[in-house]
Amino acid sequence: MKIFLIIGALNAALAVGLGAFGAHGLEGRLSAKMLETFKTGVQYHMYHALGLIGVALIADRLSTGLVQWAGWLMFAGIILFSGSLYVLSLSGIKILGAITPLGGVAFITAWILLIVAAFKIG
């Protein structure tokens, strides 16, 4: 699915940019703990941007709605997980940490859906 290739590539570029911003623009401005939180957001952002590209590449082979759901859940996970960590680290608003696990659940569910899709075709 072309949309996941586009979303994945855009998010990979965004993750690289945010990683550079964190490394060069935030060092010395955030506490070590908040900088580490930001870096965790970037790391999972990139993993799942690559996951979206993977979804795009396998969508034709595993033509099931599960793959599409996996892609949308990865995208939602990036927004919820990485997005909440970015805002938390930059703003210090601790309540945003309550959103992060929802993104983690979206990531886990996406990967499980890909496993189920693989078993369905095999």
PDB file of N, CA and C in Angstrom:
ATOM      1  N   MET A   1       0.832  -1.174   0.000  1.00  0.00           N
ATOM      2  CA  MET A   1       0.000   0.000   0.000  1.00  0.00           C
ATOM      3  C   MET A   1       0.884   1.247   0.000  1.00  0.00           C
ATOM      4  N   LYS A   2       0.693   2.016  -1.012  1.00  0.00           N
ATOM      5  CA  LYS A   2       1.507   3.215  -1.214  1.00  0.00           C
ATOM      6  C   LYS A   2       1.440   4.179  -0.027  1.00  0.00           C
ATOM      7  N   ILE A   3       0.277   4.288   0.603  1.00  0.00           N
ATOM      8  CA  ILE A   3       0.120   5.244   1.701  1.00  0.00           C
ATOM      9  C   ILE A   3       1.072   4.940   2.856  1.00  0.00           C
ATOM     10  N   PHE A   4       1.294   3.656   3.141  1.00  0.00           N
ATOM     11  CA  PHE A   4       2.189   3.303   4.249  1.00  0.00           C
ATOM     12  C   PHE A   4       3.649   3.554   3.891  1.00  0.00           C
ATOM     13  N   LEU A   5       3.992   3.436   2.615  1.00  0.00           N
ATOM     14  CA  LEU A   5       5.344   3.778   2.188  1.00  0.00           C
ATOM     15  C   LEU A   5       5.580   5.276   2.376  1.00  0.00           C
ATOM     16  N   ILE A   6       4.598   6.069   2.000  1.00  0.00           N
ATOM     17  CA  ILE A   6       4.717   7.522   2.149  1.00  0.00           C
ATOM     18  C   ILE A   6       4.756   7.916   3.628  1.00  0.00           C
ATOM     19  N   ILE A   7       3.821   7.395   4.405  1.00  0.00           N
ATOM     20  CA  ILE A   7       3.785   7.721   5.840  1.00  0.00           C
ATOM     21  C   ILE A   7       5.062   7.241   6.527  1.00  0.00           C
ATOM     22  N   GLY A   8       5.528   6.048   6.164  1.00  0.00           N
ATOM     23  CA  GLY A   8       6.749   5.508   6.765  1.00  0.00           C
ATOM     24  C   GLY A   8       7.964   6.353   6.437  1.00  0.00           C
ATOM     25  N   ALA A   9       8.106   6.706   5.162  1.00  0.00           N
ATOM     26  CA  ALA A   9       9.265   7.507   4.758  1.00  0.00           C
ATOM     27  C   ALA A   9       9.224   8.899   5.400  1.00  0.00           C
ATOM     28  N   LEU A  10       8.049   9.514   5.439  1.00  0.00           N
ATOM     29  CA  LEU A  10       7.921  10.823   6.098  1.00  0.00           C
ATOM     30  C   LEU A  10       8.287  10.735   7.580  1.00  0.00           C
ATOM     31  N   ASN A  11       7.826   9.676   8.225  1.00  0.00           N
ATOM     32  CA  ASN A  11       8.129   9.521   9.645  1.00  0.00           C
ATOM     33  C   ASN A  11       9.587   9.181   9.893  1.00  0.00           C
ATOM     34  N   ALA A  12      10.209   8.451   8.980  1.00  0.00           N
ATOM     35  CA  ALA A  12      11.641   8.180   9.122  1.00  0.00           C
ATOM     36  C   ALA A  12      12.432   9.491   9.022  1.00  0.00           C
ATOM     37  N   ALA A  13      12.069  10.323   8.047  1.00  0.00           N
ATOM     38  CA  ALA A  13      12.737  11.622   7.905  1.00  0.00           C
ATOM     39  C   ALA A  13      12.510  12.483   9.146  1.00  0.00           C
ATOM     40  N   LEU A  14      11.277  12.470   9.649  1.00  0.00           N
ATOM     41  CA  LEU A  14      10.959  13.237  10.853  1.00  0.00           C
ATOM     42  C   LEU A  14      11.746  12.727  12.055  1.00  0.00           C
ATOM     43  N   ALA A  15      11.881  11.408  12.172  1.00  0.00           N
ATOM     44  CA  ALA A  15      12.650  10.834  13.287  1.00  0.00           C
ATOM     45  C   ALA A  15      14.115  11.254  13.217  1.00  0.00           C
ATOM     46  N   VAL A  16      14.674  11.269  12.021  1.00  0.00           N
ATOM     47  CA  VAL A  16      16.068  11.711  11.864  1.00  0.00           C
ATOM     48  C   VAL A  16      16.195  13.178  12.282  1.00  0.00           C
ATOM     49  N   GLY A  17      15.276  14.001  11.804  1.00  0.00           N
ATOM     50  CA  GLY A  17      15.312  15.418  12.163  1.00  0.00           C
ATOM     51  C   GLY A  17      15.153  15.646  13.654  1.00  0.00           C
ATOM     52  N   LEU A  18      14.214  14.930  14.271  1.00  0.00           N
ATOM     53  CA  LEU A  18      14.014  15.067  15.718  1.00  0.00           C
ATOM     54  C   LEU A  18      15.212  14.527  16.494  1.00  0.00           C
ATOM     55  N   GLY A  19      15.819  13.467  15.980  1.00  0.00           N
ATOM     56  CA  GLY A  19      17.020  12.943  16.633  1.00  0.00           C
ATOM     57  C   GLY A  19      18.155  13.954  16.611  1.00  0.00           C
ATOM     58  N   ALA A  20      18.327  14.611  15.477  1.00  0.00           N
ATOM     59  CA  ALA A  20      19.360  15.648  15.377  1.00  0.00           C
ATOM     60  C   ALA A  20      19.034  16.827  16.286  1.00  0.00           C
ATOM     61  N   PHE A  21      17.765  17.211  16.313  1.00  0.00           N
ATOM     62  CA  PHE A  21      17.337  18.291  17.204  1.00  0.00           C
ATOM     63  C   PHE A  21      17.625  17.931  18.657  1.00  0.00           C
ATOM     64  N   GLY A  22      17.320  16.704  19.035  1.00  0.00           N
ATOM     65  CA  GLY A  22      17.574  16.269  20.406  1.00  0.00           C
ATOM     66  C   GLY A  22      19.052  16.267  20.746  1.00  0.00           C
ATOM     67  N   ALA A  23      19.859  15.776  19.812  1.00  0.00           N
ATOM     68  CA  ALA A  23      21.297  15.669  20.065  1.00  0.00           C
ATOM     69  C   ALA A  23      21.988  17.023  20.076  1.00  0.00           C
ATOM     70  N   HIS A  24      21.552  17.921  19.217  1.00  0.00           N
ATOM     71  CA  HIS A  24      22.269  19.199  19.078  1.00  0.00           C
ATOM     72  C   HIS A  24      21.538  20.397  19.670  1.00  0.00           C
ATOM     73  N   GLY A  25      20.223  20.335  19.699  1.00  0.00           N
ATOM     74  CA  GLY A  25      19.468  21.488  20.165  1.00  0.00           C
ATOM     75  C   GLY A  25      18.994  21.403  21.601  1.00  0.00           C
ATOM     76  N   LEU A  26      18.895  20.172  22.108  1.00  0.00           N
ATOM     77  CA  LEU A  26      18.350  20.028  23.461  1.00  0.00           C
ATOM     78  C   LEU A  26      19.398  19.706  24.522  1.00  0.00           C
ATOM     79  N   GLU A  27      20.563  19.268  24.095  1.00  0.00           N
ATOM     80  CA  GLU A  27      21.605  18.941  25.068  1.00  0.00           C
ATOM     81  C   GLU A  27      21.966  20.201  25.855  1.00  0.00           C
ATOM     82  N   GLY A  28      21.944  20.081  27.151  1.00  0.00           N
ATOM     83  CA  GLY A  28      22.220  21.214  28.020  1.00  0.00           C
ATOM     84  C   GLY A  28      20.973  22.014  28.369  1.00  0.00           C
ATOM     85  N   ARG A  29      19.897  21.797  27.639  1.00  0.00           N
ATOM     86  CA  ARG A  29      18.639  22.509  27.908  1.00  0.00           C
ATOM     87  C   ARG A  29      17.656  21.649  28.689  1.00  0.00           C
ATOM     88  N   LEU A  30      17.813  20.323  28.571  1.00  0.00           N
ATOM     89  CA  LEU A  30      16.951  19.391  29.287  1.00  0.00           C
ATOM     90  C   LEU A  30      17.771  18.606  30.291  1.00  0.00           C
ATOM     91  N   SER A  31      17.112  18.125  31.319  1.00  0.00           N
ATOM     92  CA  SER A  31      17.806  17.249  32.260  1.00  0.00           C
ATOM     93  C   SER A  31      18.190  15.967  31.525  1.00  0.00           C
ATOM     94  N   ALA A  32      19.132  15.240  32.080  1.00  0.00           N
ATOM     95  CA  ALA A  32      19.563  13.985  31.458  1.00  0.00           C
ATOM     96  C   ALA A  32      18.393  13.017  31.308  1.00  0.00           C
ATOM     97  N   LYS A  33      17.519  12.989  32.313  1.00  0.00           N
ATOM     98  CA  LYS A  33      16.359  12.091  32.271  1.00  0.00           C
ATOM     99  C   LYS A  33      15.406  12.486  31.144  1.00  0.00           C
ATOM    100  N   MET A  34      15.131  13.766  30.993  1.00  0.00           N
ATOM    101  CA  MET A  34      14.218  14.219  29.941  1.00  0.00           C
ATOM    102  C   MET A  34      14.844  14.052  28.549  1.00  0.00           C
ATOM    103  N   LEU A  35      16.157  14.231  28.447  1.00  0.00           N
ATOM    104  CA  LEU A  35      16.833  14.011  27.172  1.00  0.00           C
ATOM    105  C   LEU A  35      16.760  12.535  26.798  1.00  0.00           C
ATOM    106  N   GLU A  36      16.908  11.663  27.765  1.00  0.00           N
ATOM    107  CA  GLU A  36      16.788  10.221  27.523  1.00  0.00           C
ATOM    108  C   GLU A  36      15.358   9.866  27.104  1.00  0.00           C
ATOM    109  N   THR A  37      14.381  10.494  27.712  1.00  0.00           N
ATOM    110  CA  THR A  37      12.977  10.288  27.336  1.00  0.00           C
ATOM    111  C   THR A  37      12.763  10.701  25.885  1.00  0.00           C
ATOM    112  N   PHE A  38      13.295  11.832  25.494  1.00  0.00           N
ATOM    113  CA  PHE A  38      13.189  12.307  24.114  1.00  0.00           C
ATOM    114  C   PHE A  38      13.836  11.303  23.161  1.00  0.00           C
ATOM    115  N   LYS A  39      15.021  10.821  23.523  1.00  0.00           N
ATOM    116  CA  LYS A  39      15.735   9.859  22.672  1.00  0.00           C
ATOM    117  C   LYS A  39      14.955   8.552  22.522  1.00  0.00           C
ATOM    118  N   THR A  40      14.279   8.128  23.592  1.00  0.00           N
ATOM    119  CA  THR A  40      13.447   6.923  23.509  1.00  0.00           C
ATOM    120  C   THR A  40      12.327   7.141  22.500  1.00  0.00           C
ATOM    121  N   GLY A  41      11.731   8.324  22.514  1.00  0.00           N
ATOM    122  CA  GLY A  41      10.695   8.650  21.538  1.00  0.00           C
ATOM    123  C   GLY A  41      11.225   8.559  20.118  1.00  0.00           C
ATOM    124  N   VAL A  42      12.410   9.106  19.884  1.00  0.00           N
ATOM    125  CA  VAL A  42      13.023   9.071  18.555  1.00  0.00           C
ATOM    126  C   VAL A  42      13.306   7.627  18.135  1.00  0.00           C
ATOM    127  N   GLN A  43      13.827   6.837  19.050  1.00  0.00           N
ATOM    128  CA  GLN A  43      14.182   5.451  18.740  1.00  0.00           C
ATOM    129  C   GLN A  43      12.949   4.658  18.290  1.00  0.00           C
ATOM    130  N   TYR A  44      11.880   4.719  19.065  1.00  0.00           N
ATOM    131  CA  TYR A  44      10.669   3.979  18.712  1.00  0.00           C
ATOM    132  C   TYR A  44       9.988   4.582  17.486  1.00  0.00           C
ATOM    133  N   HIS A  45      10.130   5.865  17.310  1.00  0.00           N
ATOM    134  CA  HIS A  45       9.608   6.536  16.124  1.00  0.00           C
ATOM    135  C   HIS A  45      10.252   5.925  14.876  1.00  0.00           C
ATOM    136  N   MET A  46      11.579   5.813  14.889  1.00  0.00           N
ATOM    137  CA  MET A  46      12.286   5.270  13.728  1.00  0.00           C
ATOM    138  C   MET A  46      11.966   3.789  13.522  1.00  0.00           C
ATOM    139  N   TYR A  47      11.949   3.010  14.601  1.00  0.00           N
ATOM    140  CA  TYR A  47      11.626   1.582  14.451  1.00  0.00           C
ATOM    141  C   TYR A  47      10.301   1.407  13.730  1.00  0.00           C
ATOM    142  N   HIS A  48       9.330   2.185  14.124  1.00  0.00           N
ATOM    143  CA  HIS A  48       7.994   1.984  13.579  1.00  0.00           C
ATOM    144  C   HIS A  48       7.788   2.703  12.244  1.00  0.00           C
ATOM    145  N   ALA A  49       8.602   3.704  11.947  1.00  0.00           N
ATOM    146  CA  ALA A  49       8.617   4.261  10.592  1.00  0.00           C
ATOM    147  C   ALA A  49       9.109   3.177   9.632  1.00  0.00           C
ATOM    148  N   LEU A  50      10.150   2.459  10.043  1.00  0.00           N
ATOM    149  CA  LEU A  50      10.652   1.345   9.226  1.00  0.00           C
ATOM    150  C   LEU A  50       9.618   0.219   9.164  1.00  0.00           C
ATOM    151  N   GLY A  51       8.895   0.020  10.262  1.00  0.00           N
ATOM    152  CA  GLY A  51       7.817  -0.964  10.270  1.00  0.00           C
ATOM    153  C   GLY A  51       6.737  -0.607   9.261  1.00  0.00           C
ATOM    154  N   LEU A  52       6.412   0.667   9.145  1.00  0.00           N
ATOM    155  CA  LEU A  52       5.420   1.116   8.163  1.00  0.00           C
ATOM    156  C   LEU A  52       5.901   0.861   6.733  1.00  0.00           C
ATOM    157  N   ILE A  53       7.178   1.084   6.499  1.00  0.00           N
ATOM    158  CA  ILE A  53       7.741   0.788   5.176  1.00  0.00           C
ATOM    159  C   ILE A  53       7.651  -0.711   4.914  1.00  0.00           C
ATOM    160  N   GLY A  54       7.927  -1.512   5.936  1.00  0.00           N
ATOM    161  CA  GLY A  54       7.776  -2.963   5.814  1.00  0.00           C
ATOM    162  C   GLY A  54       6.342  -3.355   5.498  1.00  0.00           C
ATOM    163  N   VAL A  55       5.396  -2.739   6.166  1.00  0.00           N
ATOM    164  CA  VAL A  55       3.978  -3.000   5.895  1.00  0.00           C
ATOM    165  C   VAL A  55       3.678  -2.688   4.429  1.00  0.00           C
ATOM    166  N   ALA A  56       4.177  -1.574   3.929  1.00  0.00           N
ATOM    167  CA  ALA A  56       3.950  -1.211   2.525  1.00  0.00           C
ATOM    168  C   ALA A  56       4.506  -2.273   1.584  1.00  0.00           C
ATOM    169  N   LEU A  57       5.658  -2.814   1.930  1.00  0.00           N
ATOM    170  CA  LEU A  57       6.305  -3.787   1.050  1.00  0.00           C
ATOM    171  C   LEU A  57       5.634  -5.158   1.068  1.00  0.00           C
ATOM    172  N   ILE A  58       5.009  -5.519   2.185  1.00  0.00           N
ATOM    173  CA  ILE A  58       4.391  -6.846   2.272  1.00  0.00           C
ATOM    174  C   ILE A  58       2.880  -6.833   2.056  1.00  0.00           C
ATOM    175  N   ALA A  59       2.287  -5.665   1.947  1.00  0.00           N
ATOM    176  CA  ALA A  59       0.828  -5.561   1.860  1.00  0.00           C
ATOM    177  C   ALA A  59       0.265  -6.346   0.678  1.00  0.00           C
ATOM    178  N   ASP A  60       0.950  -6.362  -0.452  1.00  0.00           N
ATOM    179  CA  ASP A  60       0.452  -7.093  -1.612  1.00  0.00           C
ATOM    180  C   ASP A  60       0.557  -8.605  -1.426  1.00  0.00           C
ATOM    181  N   ARG A  61       1.590  -9.043  -0.744  1.00  0.00           N
ATOM    182  CA  ARG A  61       1.778 -10.487  -0.512  1.00  0.00           C
ATOM    183  C   ARG A  61       0.817 -11.026   0.532  1.00  0.00           C
ATOM    184  N   LEU A  62       0.551 -10.216   1.529  1.00  0.00           N
ATOM    185  CA  LEU A  62      -0.360 -10.621   2.598  1.00  0.00           C
ATOM    186  C   LEU A  62      -1.636  -9.802   2.460  1.00  0.00           C
ATOM    187  N   SER A  63      -2.357 -10.037   1.389  1.00  0.00           N
ATOM    188  CA  SER A  63      -3.532  -9.200   1.113  1.00  0.00           C
ATOM    189  C   SER A  63      -4.668  -9.541   2.069  1.00  0.00           C
ATOM    190  N   THR A  64      -4.549  -8.982   3.241  1.00  0.00           N
ATOM    191  CA  THR A  64      -5.574  -9.125   4.262  1.00  0.00           C
ATOM    192  C   THR A  64      -5.709  -7.794   4.984  1.00  0.00           C
ATOM    193  N   GLY A  65      -6.874  -7.551   5.500  1.00  0.00           N
ATOM    194  CA  GLY A  65      -7.095  -6.308   6.230  1.00  0.00           C
ATOM    195  C   GLY A  65      -6.230  -6.196   7.467  1.00  0.00           C
ATOM    196  N   LEU A  66      -5.715  -7.320   7.945  1.00  0.00           N
ATOM    197  CA  LEU A  66      -4.870  -7.295   9.145  1.00  0.00           C
ATOM    198  C   LEU A  66      -3.609  -6.478   8.919  1.00  0.00           C
ATOM    199  N   VAL A  67      -3.051  -6.564   7.726  1.00  0.00           N
ATOM    200  CA  VAL A  67      -1.830  -5.804   7.425  1.00  0.00           C
ATOM    201  C   VAL A  67      -2.136  -4.314   7.421  1.00  0.00           C
ATOM    202  N   GLN A  68      -3.269  -3.962   6.847  1.00  0.00           N
ATOM    203  CA  GLN A  68      -3.670  -2.555   6.840  1.00  0.00           C
ATOM    204  C   GLN A  68      -3.887  -2.044   8.269  1.00  0.00           C
ATOM    205  N   TRP A  69      -4.563  -2.828   9.073  1.00  0.00           N
ATOM    206  CA  TRP A  69      -4.756  -2.454  10.479  1.00  0.00           C
ATOM    207  C   TRP A  69      -3.417  -2.295  11.182  1.00  0.00           C
ATOM    208  N   ALA A  70      -2.490  -3.201  10.892  1.00  0.00           N
ATOM    209  CA  ALA A  70      -1.164  -3.113  11.513  1.00  0.00           C
ATOM    210  C   ALA A  70      -0.492  -1.789  11.162  1.00  0.00           C
ATOM    211  N   GLY A  71      -0.600  -1.395   9.914  1.00  0.00           N
ATOM    212  CA  GLY A  71      -0.008  -0.127   9.495  1.00  0.00           C
ATOM    213  C   GLY A  71      -0.610   1.064  10.217  1.00  0.00           C
ATOM    214  N   TRP A  72      -1.926   1.096  10.294  1.00  0.00           N
ATOM    215  CA  TRP A  72      -2.582   2.220  10.971  1.00  0.00           C
ATOM    216  C   TRP A  72      -2.269   2.224  12.461  1.00  0.00           C
ATOM    217  N   LEU A  73      -2.158   1.043  13.056  1.00  0.00           N
ATOM    218  CA  LEU A  73      -1.810   0.994  14.482  1.00  0.00           C
ATOM    219  C   LEU A  73      -0.370   1.439  14.725  1.00  0.00           C
ATOM    220  N   MET A  74       0.540   1.113  13.804  1.00  0.00           N
ATOM    221  CA  MET A  74       1.920   1.609  13.943  1.00  0.00           C
ATOM    222  C   MET A  74       1.941   3.131  13.875  1.00  0.00           C
ATOM    223  N   PHE A  75       1.178   3.681  12.947  1.00  0.00           N
ATOM    224  CA  PHE A  75       1.122   5.134  12.816  1.00  0.00           C
ATOM    225  C   PHE A  75       0.519   5.769  14.070  1.00  0.00           C
ATOM    226  N   ALA A  76      -0.562   5.189  14.560  1.00  0.00           N
ATOM    227  CA  ALA A  76      -1.166   5.687  15.802  1.00  0.00           C
ATOM    228  C   ALA A  76      -0.191   5.566  16.969  1.00  0.00           C
ATOM    229  N   GLY A  77       0.552   4.472  17.003  1.00  0.00           N
ATOM    230  CA  GLY A  77       1.543   4.279  18.059  1.00  0.00           C
ATOM    231  C   GLY A  77       2.631   5.336  18.031  1.00  0.00           C
ATOM    232  N   ILE A  78       3.066   5.701  16.830  1.00  0.00           N
ATOM    233  CA  ILE A  78       4.077   6.763  16.709  1.00  0.00           C
ATOM    234  C   ILE A  78       3.539   8.053  17.318  1.00  0.00           C
ATOM    235  N   ILE A  79       2.312   8.378  16.967  1.00  0.00           N
ATOM    236  CA  ILE A  79       1.712   9.619  17.475  1.00  0.00           C
ATOM    237  C   ILE A  79       1.562   9.563  18.994  1.00  0.00           C
ATOM    238  N   LEU A  80       1.000   8.462  19.494  1.00  0.00           N
ATOM    239  CA  LEU A  80       0.725   8.366  20.932  1.00  0.00           C
ATOM    240  C   LEU A  80       1.988   8.140  21.760  1.00  0.00           C
ATOM    241  N   PHE A  81       2.810   7.183  21.353  1.00  0.00           N
ATOM    242  CA  PHE A  81       3.994   6.832  22.138  1.00  0.00           C
ATOM    243  C   PHE A  81       5.078   7.901  21.990  1.00  0.00           C
ATOM    244  N   SER A  82       5.584   8.033  20.769  1.00  0.00           N
ATOM    245  CA  SER A  82       6.680   8.983  20.562  1.00  0.00           C
ATOM    246  C   SER A  82       6.215  10.416  20.779  1.00  0.00           C
ATOM    247  N   GLY A  83       5.033  10.743  20.265  1.00  0.00           N
ATOM    248  CA  GLY A  83       4.520  12.100  20.441  1.00  0.00           C
ATOM    249  C   GLY A  83       4.391  12.498  21.897  1.00  0.00           C
ATOM    250  N   SER A  84       3.866  11.583  22.717  1.00  0.00           N
ATOM    251  CA  SER A  84       3.720  11.915  24.142  1.00  0.00           C
ATOM    252  C   SER A  84       5.083  12.067  24.810  1.00  0.00           C
ATOM    253  N   LEU A  85       6.059  11.261  24.400  1.00  0.00           N
ATOM    254  CA  LEU A  85       7.401  11.401  24.986  1.00  0.00           C
ATOM    255  C   LEU A  85       8.060  12.706  24.566  1.00  0.00           C
ATOM    256  N   TYR A  86       7.848  13.121  23.326  1.00  0.00           N
ATOM    257  CA  TYR A  86       8.401  14.399  22.877  1.00  0.00           C
ATOM    258  C   TYR A  86       7.808  15.558  23.684  1.00  0.00           C
ATOM    259  N   VAL A  87       6.492  15.566  23.787  1.00  0.00           N
ATOM    260  CA  VAL A  87       5.829  16.665  24.503  1.00  0.00           C
ATOM    261  C   VAL A  87       6.168  16.622  25.984  1.00  0.00           C
ATOM    262  N   LEU A  88       6.193  15.429  26.570  1.00  0.00           N
ATOM    263  CA  LEU A  88       6.552  15.278  27.985  1.00  0.00           C
ATOM    264  C   LEU A  88       7.950  15.826  28.250  1.00  0.00           C
ATOM    265  N   SER A  89       8.913  15.434  27.426  1.00  0.00           N
ATOM    266  CA  SER A  89      10.288  15.864  27.677  1.00  0.00           C
ATOM    267  C   SER A  89      10.471  17.363  27.462  1.00  0.00           C
ATOM    268  N   LEU A  90       9.736  17.940  26.527  1.00  0.00           N
ATOM    269  CA  LEU A  90       9.882  19.371  26.247  1.00  0.00           C
ATOM    270  C   LEU A  90       9.074  20.253  27.192  1.00  0.00           C
ATOM    271  N   SER A  91       7.938  19.727  27.664  1.00  0.00           N
ATOM    272  CA  SER A  91       7.056  20.550  28.499  1.00  0.00           C
ATOM    273  C   SER A  91       7.169  20.235  29.984  1.00  0.00           C
ATOM    274  N   GLY A  92       7.567  19.013  30.305  1.00  0.00           N
ATOM    275  CA  GLY A  92       7.608  18.589  31.700  1.00  0.00           C
ATOM    276  C   GLY A  92       6.246  18.220  32.268  1.00  0.00           C
ATOM    277  N   ILE A  93       5.227  18.184  31.439  1.00  0.00           N
ATOM    278  CA  ILE A  93       3.877  17.829  31.898  1.00  0.00           C
ATOM    279  C   ILE A  93       3.817  16.314  32.089  1.00  0.00           C
ATOM    280  N   LYS A  94       3.896  15.885  33.325  1.00  0.00           N
ATOM    281  CA  LYS A  94       4.025  14.463  33.651  1.00  0.00           C
ATOM    282  C   LYS A  94       2.803  13.628  33.277  1.00  0.00           C
ATOM    283  N   ILE A  95       1.621  14.231  33.284  1.00  0.00           N
ATOM    284  CA  ILE A  95       0.396  13.481  32.998  1.00  0.00           C
ATOM    285  C   ILE A  95       0.424  12.887  31.592  1.00  0.00           C
ATOM    286  N   LEU A  96       1.223  13.465  30.714  1.00  0.00           N
ATOM    287  CA  LEU A  96       1.341  12.938  29.354  1.00  0.00           C
ATOM    288  C   LEU A  96       1.931  11.536  29.340  1.00  0.00           C
ATOM    289  N   GLY A  97       2.638  11.184  30.397  1.00  0.00           N
ATOM    290  CA  GLY A  97       3.176   9.832  30.511  1.00  0.00           C
ATOM    291  C   GLY A  97       2.077   8.780  30.544  1.00  0.00           C
ATOM    292  N   ALA A  98       0.855   9.187  30.873  1.00  0.00           N
ATOM    293  CA  ALA A  98      -0.267   8.249  30.890  1.00  0.00           C
ATOM    294  C   ALA A  98      -0.705   7.864  29.480  1.00  0.00           C
ATOM    295  N   ILE A  99      -0.377   8.671  28.493  1.00  0.00           N
ATOM    296  CA  ILE A  99      -0.737   8.390  27.102  1.00  0.00           C
ATOM    297  C   ILE A  99       0.248   7.407  26.473  1.00  0.00           C
ATOM    298  N   THR A 100       1.482   7.462  26.897  1.00  0.00           N
ATOM    299  CA  THR A 100       2.544   6.663  26.291  1.00  0.00           C
ATOM    300  C   THR A 100       2.211   5.170  26.219  1.00  0.00           C
ATOM    301  N   PRO A 101       1.692   4.552  27.288  1.00  0.00           N
ATOM    302  CA  PRO A 101       1.385   3.119  27.195  1.00  0.00           C
ATOM    303  C   PRO A 101       0.336   2.777  26.135  1.00  0.00           C
ATOM    304  N   LEU A 102      -0.568   3.708  25.849  1.00  0.00           N
ATOM    305  CA  LEU A 102      -1.546   3.458  24.782  1.00  0.00           C
ATOM    306  C   LEU A 102      -0.839   3.289  23.435  1.00  0.00           C
ATOM    307  N   GLY A 103       0.178   4.093  23.218  1.00  0.00           N
ATOM    308  CA  GLY A 103       0.985   3.946  22.008  1.00  0.00           C
ATOM    309  C   GLY A 103       1.735   2.635  21.991  1.00  0.00           C
ATOM    310  N   GLY A 104       2.233   2.230  23.152  1.00  0.00           N
ATOM    311  CA  GLY A 104       2.923   0.939  23.250  1.00  0.00           C
ATOM    312  C   GLY A 104       1.994  -0.218  22.929  1.00  0.00           C
ATOM    313  N   VAL A 105       0.767  -0.140  23.411  1.00  0.00           N
ATOM    314  CA  VAL A 105      -0.224  -1.186  23.107  1.00  0.00           C
ATOM    315  C   VAL A 105      -0.519  -1.195  21.602  1.00  0.00           C
ATOM    316  N   ALA A 106      -0.603  -0.028  20.996  1.00  0.00           N
ATOM    317  CA  ALA A 106      -0.824   0.041  19.544  1.00  0.00           C
ATOM    318  C   ALA A 106       0.332  -0.621  18.792  1.00  0.00           C
ATOM    319  N   PHE A 107       1.567  -0.357  19.226  1.00  0.00           N
ATOM    320  CA  PHE A 107       2.730  -0.987  18.589  1.00  0.00           C
ATOM    321  C   PHE A 107       2.658  -2.505  18.713  1.00  0.00           C
ATOM    322  N   ILE A 108       2.435  -2.985  19.920  1.00  0.00           N
ATOM    323  CA  ILE A 108       2.397  -4.434  20.162  1.00  0.00           C
ATOM    324  C   ILE A 108       1.289  -5.083  19.340  1.00  0.00           C
ATOM    325  N   THR A 109       0.122  -4.464  19.332  1.00  0.00           N
ATOM    326  CA  THR A 109      -1.008  -5.015  18.578  1.00  0.00           C
ATOM    327  C   THR A 109      -0.682  -5.063  17.086  1.00  0.00           C
ATOM    328  N   ALA A 110      -0.029  -4.038  16.575  1.00  0.00           N
ATOM    329  CA  ALA A 110       0.352  -4.015  15.161  1.00  0.00           C
ATOM    330  C   ALA A 110       1.244  -5.203  14.817  1.00  0.00           C
ATOM    331  N   TRP A 111       2.238  -5.457  15.645  1.00  0.00           N
ATOM    332  CA  TRP A 111       3.149  -6.574  15.374  1.00  0.00           C
ATOM    333  C   TRP A 111       2.425  -7.915  15.472  1.00  0.00           C
ATOM    334  N   ILE A 112       1.521  -8.040  16.428  1.00  0.00           N
ATOM    335  CA  ILE A 112       0.742  -9.277  16.556  1.00  0.00           C
ATOM    336  C   ILE A 112      -0.143  -9.479  15.325  1.00  0.00           C
ATOM    337  N   LEU A 113      -0.741  -8.416  14.826  1.00  0.00           N
ATOM    338  CA  LEU A 113      -1.557  -8.527  13.620  1.00  0.00           C
ATOM    339  C   LEU A 113      -0.735  -8.998  12.419  1.00  0.00           C
ATOM    340  N   LEU A 114       0.498  -8.557  12.326  1.00  0.00           N
ATOM    341  CA  LEU A 114       1.365  -9.022  11.238  1.00  0.00           C
ATOM    342  C   LEU A 114       1.672 -10.513  11.386  1.00  0.00           C
ATOM    343  N   ILE A 115       1.861 -10.959  12.612  1.00  0.00           N
ATOM    344  CA  ILE A 115       2.093 -12.383  12.852  1.00  0.00           C
ATOM    345  C   ILE A 115       0.865 -13.186  12.427  1.00  0.00           C
ATOM    346  N   VAL A 116      -0.301 -12.744  12.838  1.00  0.00           N
ATOM    347  CA  VAL A 116      -1.544 -13.444  12.482  1.00  0.00           C
ATOM    348  C   VAL A 116      -1.733 -13.449  10.970  1.00  0.00           C
ATOM    349  N   ALA A 117      -1.452 -12.330  10.314  1.00  0.00           N
ATOM    350  CA  ALA A 117      -1.575 -12.252   8.842  1.00  0.00           C
ATOM    351  C   ALA A 117      -0.648 -13.248   8.181  1.00  0.00           C
ATOM    352  N   ALA A 118       0.569 -13.384   8.689  1.00  0.00           N
ATOM    353  CA  ALA A 118       1.528 -14.330   8.118  1.00  0.00           C
ATOM    354  C   ALA A 118       1.031 -15.764   8.259  1.00  0.00           C
ATOM    355  N   PHE A 119       0.449 -16.112   9.400  1.00  0.00           N
ATOM    356  CA  PHE A 119      -0.089 -17.453   9.590  1.00  0.00           C
ATOM    357  C   PHE A 119      -1.297 -17.706   8.691  1.00  0.00           C
ATOM    358  N   LYS A 120      -2.073 -16.688   8.448  1.00  0.00           N
ATOM    359  CA  LYS A 120      -3.282 -16.848   7.620  1.00  0.00           C
ATOM    360  C   LYS A 120      -2.947 -17.198   6.184  1.00  0.00           C
ATOM    361  N   ILE A 121      -1.823 -16.700   5.667  1.00  0.00           N
ATOM    362  CA  ILE A 121      -1.496 -16.993   4.271  1.00  0.00           C
ATOM    363  C   ILE A 121      -0.662 -18.261   4.133  1.00  0.00           C
ATOM    364  N   GLY A 122      -0.069 -18.700   5.222  1.00  0.00           N
ATOM    365  CA  GLY A 122       0.841 -19.844   5.144  1.00  0.00           C
ATOM    366  C   GLY A 122       0.172 -21.107   5.467  1.00  0.00           C
TER     367      GLY A 122
END
